[in-house]
Amino acid sequence: MTVIDQIRQFAPELTAFRRDLHAHPELGFEEERTAGRIAAALTDYGCAVHRGLAKTGVVGTLRRGRSARAVGLRAELDALPIAELNRFDHRSRHPGRMHACGHDGHATMLLGAARQLAASGDFDGTVHFIFQPAEEGGGGADVMIKEGLFDKFPCDAVFGMHNMPGLAAGKFSIRPGPMMAGCAFFDIAIDGVGGHGAMPESAVDPVVVASQITLALQTIVSRNMPPFDPAVVSVTRIEAGDAYNVIPARCMLRGTARGFTDETMRLIGARMARLAASIAEGFGATATTDYRVIYPPLVNDAGEARFLGDVAAALVGEDNVARDGRRLMASEDFSYMLNARPGAFLYIGNGEGEGSCEVHNPNYDFNDGVLPLGASLWVTLVETRLTRQG
């Protein structure tokens, strides 16, 4: 019996667990119930369990044989501050919160792997099952590392997986090198001189200045970046004023920037600050830029990406693994773990066609049909990497 056939025998239990997590979403660093359920399951499987890294993080450890080799497998715990629109029975019971990115499925797949590996024990070495809080903007991976994740749980390599709507169930996608963009947030405060809306000559209008800066920021990508180095600069909020007939004294621009290298992220920040300040000065205003990189680019180690692709191909066949999958401008804080240890990240298909829904959407739901496949990928990875003949 294959690994996936063995896991399919307890797939209904995985589905029930995943749907329970979906019904009880928790935001970053608040995943107390979720962490408790996961810790209890890991304990039942016979894992050594450590709690408390990054407040709500959980690490389960399995050891077999005498080998000093060790791998880390990571999944996320947190939900998003989104009001769910689904009407199925396992929809969120907490208004304004939902699992709109599939972290409930990622955590369940990793738990399924822990259960199977604990039962089979067909490896020689150590596996650390890393359940990370606060991926959605909280940088939970960075916090776990700073609090000693890889000191307490040494890993030769670390691996992560994310679902991809639009990619057929049964398929995987991976690529060596940069795979997901780095993310920065920015706030630009433009200070002018307030005045009467009917007498703009007596004021320095920060809204006009903000408009010019918004347009100028688009030239960072079109005129400062090489065409083969993708980047995005998006102003997503413009805030100013309280009345129809009053020119405000301040206007705020807020937004995000994305790029696939640290150099790109630094260049965007430097050009942004210079453009904002110089344009504002030309109008007699001032502009102060707060540009902060939230997540670095996610860069797969070439050798580990090849290895992970081989593991996926062993499960579903080479034709169902995209080894040069597309890069995404979305960001992932697993990038911090890949900066600390060699490793790789891949996508598992969540389904395509009518009914598939993109992540961060109020109608999203994880495809329970891929739970056994994702768990089988982790089991196969461990049994391949930590083979008894190794």
Protein backbone atom coordinates (compact mmCIF):
# COMPACT_ATOMS: atom_id res chain seq x y z
CA MET A 1 0.00 0.00 0.00
CA THR A 2 1.39 3.40 -0.98
CA VAL A 3 1.86 6.28 1.45
CA ILE A 4 -1.06 8.20 0.00
CA ASP A 5 -3.30 5.13 0.25
CA GLN A 6 -2.37 4.78 3.91
CA ILE A 7 -3.13 8.43 4.60
CA ARG A 8 -6.42 8.25 2.73
CA GLN A 9 -7.59 5.76 5.33
CA PHE A 10 -7.75 8.57 7.88
CA ALA A 11 -8.58 11.37 5.41
CA PRO A 12 -12.09 11.89 6.92
CA GLU A 13 -10.44 12.73 10.24
CA LEU A 14 -8.12 15.20 8.52
CA THR A 15 -11.09 16.83 6.81
CA ALA A 16 -12.96 17.14 10.10
CA PHE A 17 -9.90 18.67 11.76
CA ARG A 18 -9.36 21.14 8.93
CA ARG A 19 -12.98 22.23 8.95
CA ASP A 20 -12.89 22.74 12.70
CA LEU A 21 -9.90 25.06 12.27
CA HIS A 22 -11.75 26.88 9.50
CA ALA A 23 -14.77 27.41 11.74
CA HIS A 24 -12.58 28.89 14.49
CA PRO A 25 -10.12 31.28 12.81
CA GLU A 26 -7.65 33.25 14.93
CA LEU A 27 -5.48 36.20 13.95
CA GLY A 28 -1.70 36.43 14.23
CA PHE A 29 -0.19 35.81 17.67
CA GLU A 30 -3.70 35.03 18.96
CA GLU A 31 -3.90 31.40 17.76
CA GLU A 32 -4.39 29.93 21.24
CA ARG A 33 -7.16 27.47 20.40
CA THR A 34 -5.52 26.44 17.14
CA ALA A 35 -2.15 25.89 18.81
CA GLY A 36 -3.80 23.91 21.60
CA ARG A 37 -5.54 21.56 19.20
CA ILE A 38 -2.35 21.01 17.21
CA ALA A 39 -0.22 20.44 20.31
CA ALA A 40 -2.73 17.91 21.62
CA ALA A 41 -2.74 16.01 18.32
CA LEU A 42 1.06 15.95 18.14
CA THR A 43 1.22 14.65 21.70
CA ASP A 44 -1.25 11.89 20.84
CA TYR A 45 0.98 10.87 17.93
CA GLY A 46 3.98 10.56 20.23
CA CYS A 47 5.85 13.72 19.25
CA ALA A 48 7.83 15.78 21.73
CA VAL A 49 5.98 19.11 21.80
CA HIS A 50 7.35 22.57 22.49
CA ARG A 51 5.06 25.60 22.78
CA GLY A 52 5.60 29.31 23.22
CA LEU A 53 7.97 30.39 20.44
CA ALA A 54 6.53 33.60 19.01
CA LYS A 55 3.84 33.31 21.70
CA THR A 56 1.58 30.78 19.96
CA GLY A 57 4.05 28.76 17.87
CA VAL A 58 4.18 24.98 18.21
CA VAL A 59 7.04 22.64 17.29
CA GLY A 60 6.60 18.88 17.31
CA THR A 61 9.66 16.63 17.08
CA LEU A 62 10.00 13.00 16.00
CA ARG A 63 13.28 11.09 16.24
CA ARG A 64 14.06 7.68 14.82
CA GLY A 65 17.36 5.82 14.61
CA ARG A 66 20.75 7.37 15.34
CA SER A 67 21.39 9.73 12.47
CA ALA A 68 22.17 13.35 13.31
CA ARG A 69 20.39 14.55 10.17
CA ALA A 70 17.35 16.78 10.68
CA VAL A 71 14.75 18.51 8.54
CA GLY A 72 12.13 21.13 9.35
CA LEU A 73 8.66 21.23 7.82
CA ARG A 74 6.63 24.40 8.31
CA ALA A 75 2.94 25.33 8.20
CA GLU A 76 1.09 28.46 9.29
CA LEU A 77 -1.64 28.94 11.91
CA ASP A 78 -3.22 32.36 11.44
CA ALA A 79 -6.33 33.59 9.65
CA LEU A 80 -7.17 36.95 8.08
CA PRO A 81 -9.38 39.88 9.21
CA ILE A 82 -11.97 39.20 6.50
CA ALA A 83 -15.72 38.71 6.86
CA GLU A 84 -16.49 35.31 5.33
CA LEU A 85 -19.27 35.10 2.73
CA ASN A 86 -19.43 31.30 2.45
CA ARG A 87 -22.59 29.60 3.76
CA PHE A 88 -21.39 26.01 4.27
CA ASP A 89 -21.56 24.43 7.72
CA HIS A 90 -17.89 24.93 8.58
CA ARG A 91 -17.86 28.66 7.79
CA SER A 92 -16.27 30.98 10.32
CA ARG A 93 -18.15 31.37 13.58
CA HIS A 94 -16.25 34.56 14.38
CA PRO A 95 -17.39 37.70 12.52
CA GLY A 96 -14.62 39.55 10.74
CA ARG A 97 -12.18 36.61 10.75
CA MET A 98 -11.72 33.75 8.31
CA HIS A 99 -9.19 31.30 6.94
CA ALA A 100 -9.00 32.93 3.53
CA CYS A 101 -5.49 31.76 2.64
CA GLY A 102 -5.61 28.04 3.40
CA HIS A 103 -3.50 27.99 6.54
CA ASP A 104 -6.06 25.65 8.06
CA GLY A 105 -5.30 23.21 5.24
CA HIS A 106 -1.53 23.69 5.45
CA ALA A 107 -1.53 22.94 9.18
CA THR A 108 -3.76 19.89 8.68
CA MET A 109 -1.53 18.46 5.94
CA LEU A 110 1.49 18.78 8.23
CA LEU A 111 -0.41 17.11 11.07
CA GLY A 112 -1.35 14.27 8.72
CA ALA A 113 2.32 13.78 7.90
CA ALA A 114 3.23 13.75 11.59
CA ARG A 115 0.62 11.08 12.24
CA GLN A 116 1.82 8.89 9.38
CA LEU A 117 5.52 9.27 10.21
CA ALA A 118 4.91 8.55 13.88
CA ALA A 119 3.11 5.35 12.92
CA SER A 120 5.51 4.14 10.22
CA GLY A 121 8.81 5.36 11.65
CA ASP A 122 10.46 4.64 8.32
CA PHE A 123 13.27 7.15 8.58
CA ASP A 124 16.57 7.69 10.35
CA GLY A 125 17.02 11.14 11.87
CA THR A 126 14.88 13.98 13.23
CA VAL A 127 11.85 15.78 11.88
CA HIS A 128 10.70 19.10 13.33
CA PHE A 129 7.09 19.97 12.53
CA ILE A 130 7.01 23.78 12.75
CA PHE A 131 3.60 25.41 13.19
CA GLN A 132 4.19 29.14 12.82
CA PRO A 133 1.89 31.96 13.94
CA ALA A 134 1.31 35.34 12.32
CA GLU A 135 2.32 34.83 8.70
CA GLU A 136 -0.19 37.41 7.50
CA GLY A 137 1.85 40.54 8.06
CA GLY A 138 3.05 39.71 11.56
CA GLY A 139 6.39 38.21 10.57
CA GLY A 140 5.92 35.20 12.84
CA ALA A 141 8.73 33.32 11.11
CA ASP A 142 11.19 36.09 11.90
CA VAL A 143 10.04 36.16 15.53
CA MET A 144 10.41 32.38 15.90
CA ILE A 145 13.95 32.54 14.50
CA LYS A 146 14.93 35.43 16.77
CA GLU A 147 13.57 33.47 19.74
CA GLY A 148 15.86 30.54 18.91
CA LEU A 149 13.90 28.26 16.56
CA PHE A 150 16.92 26.81 14.78
CA ASP A 151 19.07 26.86 17.92
CA LYS A 152 16.55 24.77 19.84
CA PHE A 153 15.55 22.68 16.82
CA PRO A 154 18.56 22.43 14.46
CA CYS A 155 17.61 21.72 10.85
CA ASP A 156 19.88 20.87 7.93
CA ALA A 157 17.14 22.17 5.64
CA VAL A 158 13.63 23.56 5.96
CA PHE A 159 10.66 23.24 3.61
CA GLY A 160 7.28 24.93 3.17
CA MET A 161 4.18 24.49 1.02
CA HIS A 162 1.24 26.70 -0.01
CA ASN A 163 -1.93 25.96 -1.91
CA MET A 164 -2.46 27.59 -5.31
CA PRO A 165 -6.01 28.14 -6.62
CA GLY A 166 -6.12 27.81 -10.40
CA LEU A 167 -3.52 25.02 -10.38
CA ALA A 168 -5.23 21.66 -10.82
CA ALA A 169 -5.49 19.37 -7.81
CA GLY A 170 -2.82 16.70 -8.16
CA LYS A 171 -0.21 19.13 -9.52
CA PHE A 172 2.72 20.94 -7.91
CA SER A 173 4.70 24.02 -8.92
CA ILE A 174 8.20 25.06 -7.85
CA ARG A 175 11.19 26.97 -9.20
CA PRO A 176 14.81 27.53 -8.14
CA GLY A 177 15.87 31.00 -7.02
CA PRO A 178 13.43 33.88 -6.42
CA MET A 179 9.87 32.58 -6.25
CA MET A 180 7.90 35.18 -4.28
CA ALA A 181 8.51 38.89 -3.99
CA GLY A 182 9.76 40.85 -1.04
CA CYS A 183 7.20 43.19 0.47
CA ALA A 184 7.53 46.74 1.76
CA PHE A 185 4.90 49.08 3.17
CA PHE A 186 5.29 52.84 2.98
CA ASP A 187 3.74 55.97 4.45
CA ILE A 188 4.52 59.40 2.99
CA ALA A 189 3.45 62.38 5.07
CA ILE A 190 3.08 65.56 2.99
CA ASP A 191 2.86 68.77 4.98
CA GLY A 192 1.70 71.96 3.29
CA VAL A 193 -0.24 74.99 4.43
CA GLY A 194 -3.96 74.71 4.99
CA GLY A 195 -6.41 77.30 3.76
CA HIS A 196 -9.77 78.13 2.24
CA GLY A 197 -10.79 75.95 -0.70
CA ALA A 198 -11.83 79.07 -2.60
CA MET A 199 -8.46 80.79 -2.11
CA PRO A 200 -5.79 78.18 -2.96
CA GLU A 201 -3.22 80.92 -3.62
CA SER A 202 -2.99 81.48 0.15
CA ALA A 203 -2.25 77.81 0.85
CA VAL A 204 0.21 75.08 -0.12
CA ASP A 205 -2.09 72.27 -1.14
CA PRO A 206 -0.72 68.87 0.01
CA VAL A 207 -3.38 67.04 -2.03
CA VAL A 208 -1.94 68.43 -5.28
CA VAL A 209 1.54 67.52 -4.10
CA ALA A 210 0.38 64.00 -3.21
CA SER A 211 -1.13 63.60 -6.67
CA GLN A 212 2.15 64.54 -8.33
CA ILE A 213 4.09 62.18 -6.07
CA THR A 214 1.66 59.34 -6.79
CA LEU A 215 2.27 59.68 -10.51
CA ALA A 216 6.03 60.10 -10.11
CA LEU A 217 6.35 56.95 -8.01
CA GLN A 218 5.27 54.89 -11.04
CA THR A 219 8.45 55.95 -12.82
CA ILE A 220 10.53 54.00 -10.29
CA VAL A 221 9.48 50.79 -12.03
CA SER A 222 9.34 52.15 -15.59
CA ARG A 223 12.53 54.23 -15.50
CA ASN A 224 14.75 53.00 -12.66
CA MET A 225 14.33 49.22 -12.82
CA PRO A 226 15.76 46.95 -15.54
CA PRO A 227 12.91 45.51 -17.63
CA PHE A 228 13.95 41.96 -16.69
CA ASP A 229 13.76 42.76 -12.96
CA PRO A 230 10.03 42.88 -12.11
CA ALA A 231 8.85 45.29 -9.43
CA VAL A 232 5.61 46.90 -8.28
CA VAL A 233 4.92 50.22 -6.53
CA SER A 234 1.27 50.77 -5.60
CA VAL A 235 -0.24 53.73 -3.75
CA THR A 236 -3.27 52.15 -2.12
CA ARG A 237 -4.50 54.91 0.22
CA ILE A 238 -4.68 58.72 0.01
CA GLU A 239 -5.94 60.40 3.17
CA ALA A 240 -6.56 64.11 3.63
CA GLY A 241 -9.09 66.70 4.68
CA ASP A 242 -12.34 66.92 6.61
CA ALA A 243 -14.48 69.42 4.68
CA TYR A 244 -15.45 70.33 1.11
CA ASN A 245 -14.22 73.89 1.35
CA VAL A 246 -10.99 73.46 3.33
CA ILE A 247 -7.55 72.79 1.89
CA PRO A 248 -5.94 70.50 4.46
CA ALA A 249 -2.52 71.03 5.95
CA ARG A 250 -1.48 67.37 5.59
CA CYS A 251 -2.01 64.51 3.16
CA MET A 252 -0.91 60.91 3.66
CA LEU A 253 0.06 58.46 0.94
CA ARG A 254 0.21 54.79 1.87
CA GLY A 255 0.97 51.72 -0.16
CA THR A 256 3.15 48.74 -0.92
CA ALA A 257 6.20 47.87 -3.01
CA ARG A 258 7.33 44.45 -4.26
CA GLY A 259 10.54 43.10 -5.79
CA PHE A 260 12.50 39.87 -6.16
CA THR A 261 15.88 40.96 -4.78
CA ASP A 262 17.05 42.83 -1.69
CA GLU A 263 18.80 45.32 -3.98
CA THR A 264 15.54 46.05 -5.76
CA MET A 265 13.75 46.62 -2.48
CA ARG A 266 16.45 49.03 -1.30
CA LEU A 267 16.45 50.93 -4.60
CA ILE A 268 12.69 51.42 -4.50
CA GLY A 269 12.90 52.84 -0.97
CA ALA A 270 15.73 55.23 -1.82
CA ARG A 271 14.11 56.53 -5.01
CA MET A 272 10.75 56.90 -3.28
CA ALA A 273 12.14 59.08 -0.51
CA ARG A 274 14.11 61.24 -2.95
CA LEU A 275 11.21 61.76 -5.36
CA ALA A 276 8.74 62.59 -2.59
CA ALA A 277 11.05 65.09 -0.91
CA SER A 278 12.09 66.87 -4.11
CA ILE A 279 8.58 67.14 -5.56
CA ALA A 280 7.22 68.45 -2.27
CA GLU A 281 10.02 71.02 -2.06
CA GLY A 282 9.16 72.27 -5.53
CA PHE A 283 5.64 73.10 -4.31
CA GLY A 284 6.81 74.64 -1.05
CA ALA A 285 5.77 71.61 1.00
CA THR A 286 7.70 68.88 2.78
CA ALA A 287 7.43 65.10 2.47
CA THR A 288 8.66 62.53 4.98
CA THR A 289 8.83 58.91 3.84
CA ASP A 290 8.60 55.88 6.11
CA TYR A 291 9.56 52.89 3.95
CA ARG A 292 9.90 49.55 5.69
CA VAL A 293 10.57 46.10 4.27
CA ILE A 294 8.11 43.69 5.88
CA TYR A 295 9.27 40.45 4.24
CA PRO A 296 12.41 39.78 2.18
CA PRO A 297 12.09 37.99 -1.17
CA LEU A 298 11.52 34.25 -0.96
CA VAL A 299 14.48 32.57 -2.67
CA ASN A 300 14.64 28.79 -3.07
CA ASP A 301 17.98 27.05 -2.83
CA ALA A 302 18.55 25.53 -6.28
CA GLY A 303 19.59 22.11 -5.00
CA GLU A 304 16.77 21.89 -2.46
CA ALA A 305 14.23 23.03 -5.07
CA ARG A 306 15.41 20.24 -7.35
CA PHE A 307 15.14 17.75 -4.49
CA LEU A 308 11.63 18.90 -3.54
CA GLY A 309 10.58 18.72 -7.18
CA ASP A 310 11.89 15.15 -7.31
CA VAL A 311 9.83 14.27 -4.25
CA ALA A 312 6.70 15.72 -5.84
CA ALA A 313 7.40 13.90 -9.12
CA ALA A 314 7.76 10.60 -7.25
CA LEU A 315 4.20 11.11 -6.02
CA VAL A 316 2.35 12.47 -9.04
CA GLY A 317 4.67 11.96 -12.01
CA GLU A 318 7.01 14.38 -13.72
CA ASP A 319 4.27 15.71 -16.03
CA ASN A 320 2.38 17.02 -12.99
CA VAL A 321 5.28 19.04 -11.57
CA ALA A 322 6.11 22.47 -12.98
CA ARG A 323 9.82 22.83 -12.22
CA ASP A 324 10.00 26.37 -13.58
CA GLY A 325 6.73 27.62 -12.12
CA ARG A 326 5.73 31.24 -12.26
CA ARG A 327 6.96 33.82 -9.80
CA LEU A 328 4.40 35.67 -7.71
CA MET A 329 4.39 39.28 -6.55
CA ALA A 330 2.70 38.07 -3.37
CA SER A 331 4.97 37.67 -0.34
CA GLU A 332 5.59 34.97 2.26
CA ASP A 333 7.45 35.20 5.54
CA PHE A 334 8.85 31.69 5.02
CA SER A 335 11.51 33.80 3.28
CA TYR A 336 13.00 34.45 6.73
CA MET A 337 13.47 30.71 7.26
CA LEU A 338 15.09 30.33 3.84
CA ASN A 339 17.47 33.16 4.73
CA ALA A 340 18.44 31.24 7.88
CA ARG A 341 18.63 27.69 6.45
CA PRO A 342 18.81 26.06 3.01
CA GLY A 343 15.46 24.88 1.78
CA ALA A 344 12.63 25.32 -0.68
CA PHE A 345 8.98 26.25 -0.96
CA LEU A 346 6.42 24.87 -3.42
CA TYR A 347 2.77 25.21 -4.40
CA ILE A 348 0.18 22.44 -4.31
CA GLY A 349 -2.79 22.75 -6.65
CA ASN A 350 -6.02 23.72 -4.91
CA GLY A 351 -8.17 23.22 -8.02
CA GLU A 352 -8.97 25.03 -11.24
CA GLY A 353 -11.97 26.09 -13.27
CA GLU A 354 -15.39 27.12 -12.00
CA GLY A 355 -15.56 27.07 -8.23
CA SER A 356 -11.89 27.77 -7.63
CA CYS A 357 -11.40 30.99 -5.72
CA GLU A 358 -8.27 33.03 -5.17
CA VAL A 359 -6.83 33.37 -1.68
CA HIS A 360 -7.63 36.46 0.45
CA ASN A 361 -11.16 36.33 -0.96
CA PRO A 362 -14.26 36.13 1.31
CA ASN A 363 -15.52 33.13 -0.73
CA TYR A 364 -12.32 31.07 -0.49
CA ASP A 365 -12.11 27.59 0.99
CA PHE A 366 -9.30 25.04 1.07
CA ASN A 367 -9.82 21.94 -1.07
CA ASP A 368 -10.04 19.01 1.38
CA GLY A 369 -9.42 16.59 -1.48
CA VAL A 370 -5.72 17.51 -1.54
CA LEU A 371 -5.10 16.94 2.18
CA PRO A 372 -3.82 13.35 1.69
CA LEU A 373 -1.59 14.44 -1.19
CA GLY A 374 0.02 17.27 0.75
CA ALA A 375 0.58 15.04 3.79
CA SER A 376 2.05 12.37 1.49
CA LEU A 377 4.48 14.89 0.03
CA TRP A 378 5.87 15.62 3.50
CA VAL A 379 6.09 11.93 4.40
CA THR A 380 7.85 11.10 1.13
CA LEU A 381 10.26 13.99 1.64
CA VAL A 382 11.23 12.77 5.10
CA GLU A 383 11.56 9.13 4.08
CA THR A 384 13.68 10.16 1.07
CA ARG A 385 15.87 12.70 2.85
CA LEU A 386 16.31 10.65 6.03
CA THR A 387 16.40 7.26 4.38
CA ARG A 388 17.74 4.42 6.51
CA GLN A 389 20.28 3.71 3.78
CA GLY A 390 21.52 7.31 3.94
